């Protein structure tokens, strides 16, 4: 199962790390059925949805969401869901985006930032 984050005609996904058979999901009610751990999994899904909804409301209230892509929103949510998450991969992704946007001239500077960040 995944949570879809749609913004600006783009969609990004957050995996819930929950695997189900189609017969175990009630799409109308948004709940797991016929699963031995359905109560725990439904509570987990509900909790994650609440966190995601609150995070999106805060981004909107702060006026930050308008300048973000679907991937940026996903990354922001993931950072809240997993504060101990190793954010190096996210920062490297942003540096790669900057490299592409700024062109080859900034390539060496961006590589230095990556090297310093990894150590």
C-alpha atoms as a PDB file:
ATOM      1  CA  UNK A   1       0.000   0.000   0.000  1.00  0.00           C
ATOM      2  CA  UNK A   2       1.099   3.517  -0.756  1.00  0.00           C
ATOM      3  CA  UNK A   3      -0.115   7.000   0.026  1.00  0.00           C
ATOM      4  CA  UNK A   4      -0.329   9.144  -3.099  1.00  0.00           C
ATOM      5  CA  UNK A   5       0.779  12.774  -2.856  1.00  0.00           C
ATOM      6  CA  UNK A   6      -0.647  14.722  -5.785  1.00  0.00           C
ATOM      7  CA  UNK A   7       0.448  18.283  -6.492  1.00  0.00           C
ATOM      8  CA  UNK A   8       0.775  20.318  -9.683  1.00  0.00           C
ATOM      9  CA  UNK A   9      -0.306  17.496 -12.028  1.00  0.00           C
ATOM     10  CA  UNK A  10       2.402  15.235 -10.558  1.00  0.00           C
ATOM     11  CA  UNK A  11       2.100  12.379  -8.102  1.00  0.00           C
ATOM     12  CA  UNK A  12       4.602  10.979  -5.654  1.00  0.00           C
ATOM     13  CA  UNK A  13       4.122   7.997  -3.359  1.00  0.00           C
ATOM     14  CA  UNK A  14       4.932   7.059   0.211  1.00  0.00           C
ATOM     15  CA  UNK A  15       5.126   3.334   0.808  1.00  0.00           C
ATOM     16  CA  UNK A  16       3.402   2.097   3.936  1.00  0.00           C
ATOM     17  CA  UNK A  17       5.335  -1.184   3.742  1.00  0.00           C
ATOM     18  CA  UNK A  18       2.015  -3.060   3.986  1.00  0.00           C
ATOM     19  CA  UNK A  19       1.312  -5.825   1.492  1.00  0.00           C
ATOM     20  CA  UNK A  20      -2.265  -6.990   0.926  1.00  0.00           C
ATOM     21  CA  UNK A  21      -4.274  -9.124  -1.413  1.00  0.00           C
ATOM     22  CA  UNK A  22      -6.981  -7.235  -3.329  1.00  0.00           C
ATOM     23  CA  UNK A  23      -9.614  -9.146  -1.332  1.00  0.00           C
ATOM     24  CA  UNK A  24      -8.170  -7.748   1.908  1.00  0.00           C
ATOM     25  CA  UNK A  25      -8.798  -4.078   1.066  1.00  0.00           C
ATOM     26  CA  UNK A  26     -12.137  -2.259   1.191  1.00  0.00           C
ATOM     27  CA  UNK A  27     -11.568   0.750  -1.066  1.00  0.00           C
ATOM     28  CA  UNK A  28     -14.948   2.285  -0.210  1.00  0.00           C
ATOM     29  CA  UNK A  29     -14.287   2.398   3.538  1.00  0.00           C
ATOM     30  CA  UNK A  30     -10.500   2.641   3.219  1.00  0.00           C
ATOM     31  CA  UNK A  31      -9.899  -0.253   5.594  1.00  0.00           C
ATOM     32  CA  UNK A  32      -8.235  -3.629   5.675  1.00  0.00           C
ATOM     33  CA  UNK A  33     -10.533  -6.644   5.838  1.00  0.00           C
ATOM     34  CA  UNK A  34      -9.897 -10.361   6.257  1.00  0.00           C
ATOM     35  CA  UNK A  35      -6.334  -9.999   7.514  1.00  0.00           C
ATOM     36  CA  UNK A  36      -5.039 -11.480  10.787  1.00  0.00           C
ATOM     37  CA  UNK A  37      -3.471  -8.125  11.751  1.00  0.00           C
ATOM     38  CA  UNK A  38      -6.281  -5.906  10.432  1.00  0.00           C
ATOM     39  CA  UNK A  39      -6.791  -3.951  13.674  1.00  0.00           C
ATOM     40  CA  UNK A  40      -3.129  -3.083  14.068  1.00  0.00           C
ATOM     41  CA  UNK A  41      -2.673  -2.299  10.365  1.00  0.00           C
ATOM     42  CA  UNK A  42      -5.827  -0.161  10.192  1.00  0.00           C
ATOM     43  CA  UNK A  43      -4.636   1.805  13.233  1.00  0.00           C
ATOM     44  CA  UNK A  44      -1.207   2.261  11.629  1.00  0.00           C
ATOM     45  CA  UNK A  45      -2.702   3.445   8.320  1.00  0.00           C
ATOM     46  CA  UNK A  46      -5.033   5.838  10.153  1.00  0.00           C
ATOM     47  CA  UNK A  47      -2.140   7.286  12.156  1.00  0.00           C
ATOM     48  CA  UNK A  48       0.044   7.805   9.080  1.00  0.00           C
ATOM     49  CA  UNK A  49      -2.841   9.439   7.198  1.00  0.00           C
ATOM     50  CA  UNK A  50      -3.401  11.817  10.117  1.00  0.00           C
ATOM     51  CA  UNK A  51       0.267  12.811  10.151  1.00  0.00           C
ATOM     52  CA  UNK A  52       0.306  13.311   6.372  1.00  0.00           C
ATOM     53  CA  UNK A  53      -2.897  15.392   6.441  1.00  0.00           C
ATOM     54  CA  UNK A  54      -1.608  17.574   9.290  1.00  0.00           C
ATOM     55  CA  UNK A  55       1.733  18.057   7.549  1.00  0.00           C
ATOM     56  CA  UNK A  56       0.058  19.150   4.309  1.00  0.00           C
ATOM     57  CA  UNK A  57      -2.212  21.535   6.234  1.00  0.00           C
ATOM     58  CA  UNK A  58       0.849  23.066   7.937  1.00  0.00           C
ATOM     59  CA  UNK A  59       2.720  23.438   4.640  1.00  0.00           C
ATOM     60  CA  UNK A  60      -0.344  25.126   3.157  1.00  0.00           C
ATOM     61  CA  UNK A  61      -0.841  27.410   6.155  1.00  0.00           C
ATOM     62  CA  UNK A  62       2.823  28.437   6.055  1.00  0.00           C
ATOM     63  CA  UNK A  63       2.566  29.166   2.322  1.00  0.00           C
ATOM     64  CA  UNK A  64       5.404  26.765   1.530  1.00  0.00           C
ATOM     65  CA  UNK A  65       3.422  24.203  -0.441  1.00  0.00           C
ATOM     66  CA  UNK A  66       2.928  26.408  -3.501  1.00  0.00           C
ATOM     67  CA  UNK A  67       6.675  26.355  -4.240  1.00  0.00           C
ATOM     68  CA  UNK A  68       7.053  22.603  -3.696  1.00  0.00           C
ATOM     69  CA  UNK A  69       6.848  19.693  -6.112  1.00  0.00           C
ATOM     70  CA  UNK A  70       5.053  16.458  -5.260  1.00  0.00           C
ATOM     71  CA  UNK A  71       8.471  14.911  -4.554  1.00  0.00           C
ATOM     72  CA  UNK A  72       9.419  17.802  -2.262  1.00  0.00           C
ATOM     73  CA  UNK A  73       6.182  17.341  -0.315  1.00  0.00           C
ATOM     74  CA  UNK A  74       6.818  13.586  -0.091  1.00  0.00           C
ATOM     75  CA  UNK A  75      10.370  14.177   1.171  1.00  0.00           C
ATOM     76  CA  UNK A  76       9.118  16.667   3.757  1.00  0.00           C
ATOM     77  CA  UNK A  77       6.520  14.189   4.983  1.00  0.00           C
ATOM     78  CA  UNK A  78       9.073  11.358   5.084  1.00  0.00           C
ATOM     79  CA  UNK A  79      11.377  13.517   7.195  1.00  0.00           C
ATOM     80  CA  UNK A  80       8.556  13.965   9.703  1.00  0.00           C
ATOM     81  CA  UNK A  81       7.504  10.308   9.629  1.00  0.00           C
ATOM     82  CA  UNK A  82      11.107   9.122   9.997  1.00  0.00           C
ATOM     83  CA  UNK A  83      13.105  11.757  11.878  1.00  0.00           C
ATOM     84  CA  UNK A  84      16.010   9.327  12.182  1.00  0.00           C
ATOM     85  CA  UNK A  85      15.953   8.805   8.410  1.00  0.00           C
ATOM     86  CA  UNK A  86      19.340   9.250   6.797  1.00  0.00           C
ATOM     87  CA  UNK A  87      18.676  12.458   4.884  1.00  0.00           C
ATOM     88  CA  UNK A  88      21.918  12.241   2.911  1.00  0.00           C
ATOM     89  CA  UNK A  89      20.104  10.623  -0.017  1.00  0.00           C
ATOM     90  CA  UNK A  90      17.548  13.440  -0.075  1.00  0.00           C
ATOM     91  CA  UNK A  91      20.268  16.090   0.053  1.00  0.00           C
ATOM     92  CA  UNK A  92      22.194  14.319  -2.707  1.00  0.00           C
ATOM     93  CA  UNK A  93      19.019  14.280  -4.800  1.00  0.00           C
ATOM     94  CA  UNK A  94      18.618  18.034  -4.318  1.00  0.00           C
ATOM     95  CA  UNK A  95      22.267  18.604  -5.245  1.00  0.00           C
ATOM     96  CA  UNK A  96      21.765  16.563  -8.416  1.00  0.00           C
ATOM     97  CA  UNK A  97      18.751  18.733  -9.268  1.00  0.00           C
ATOM     98  CA  UNK A  98      20.842  21.862  -8.711  1.00  0.00           C
ATOM     99  CA  UNK A  99      23.588  20.492 -10.903  1.00  0.00           C
ATOM    100  CA  UNK A 100      21.129  19.914 -13.703  1.00  0.00           C
ATOM    101  CA  UNK A 101      19.614  23.363 -13.259  1.00  0.00           C
ATOM    102  CA  UNK A 102      22.880  25.273 -12.910  1.00  0.00           C
ATOM    103  CA  UNK A 103      24.772  23.412 -15.586  1.00  0.00           C
ATOM    104  CA  UNK A 104      28.252  21.962 -15.727  1.00  0.00           C
ATOM    105  CA  UNK A 105      29.899  25.155 -14.416  1.00  0.00           C
ATOM    106  CA  UNK A 106      28.725  24.406 -10.845  1.00  0.00           C
ATOM    107  CA  UNK A 107      29.569  20.699 -11.055  1.00  0.00           C
ATOM    108  CA  UNK A 108      32.784  20.812  -9.003  1.00  0.00           C
ATOM    109  CA  UNK A 109      31.225  22.897  -6.230  1.00  0.00           C
ATOM    110  CA  UNK A 110      28.306  20.486  -5.915  1.00  0.00           C
ATOM    111  CA  UNK A 111      30.645  17.499  -5.769  1.00  0.00           C
ATOM    112  CA  UNK A 112      32.540  19.118  -2.897  1.00  0.00           C
ATOM    113  CA  UNK A 113      29.297  19.638  -0.999  1.00  0.00           C
ATOM    114  CA  UNK A 114      28.399  15.969  -1.475  1.00  0.00           C
ATOM    115  CA  UNK A 115      31.836  14.847  -0.316  1.00  0.00           C
ATOM    116  CA  UNK A 116      31.732  17.032   2.779  1.00  0.00           C
ATOM    117  CA  UNK A 117      28.232  15.914   3.629  1.00  0.00           C
ATOM    118  CA  UNK A 118      29.011  12.216   3.346  1.00  0.00           C
ATOM    119  CA  UNK A 119      31.919  12.407   5.769  1.00  0.00           C
END
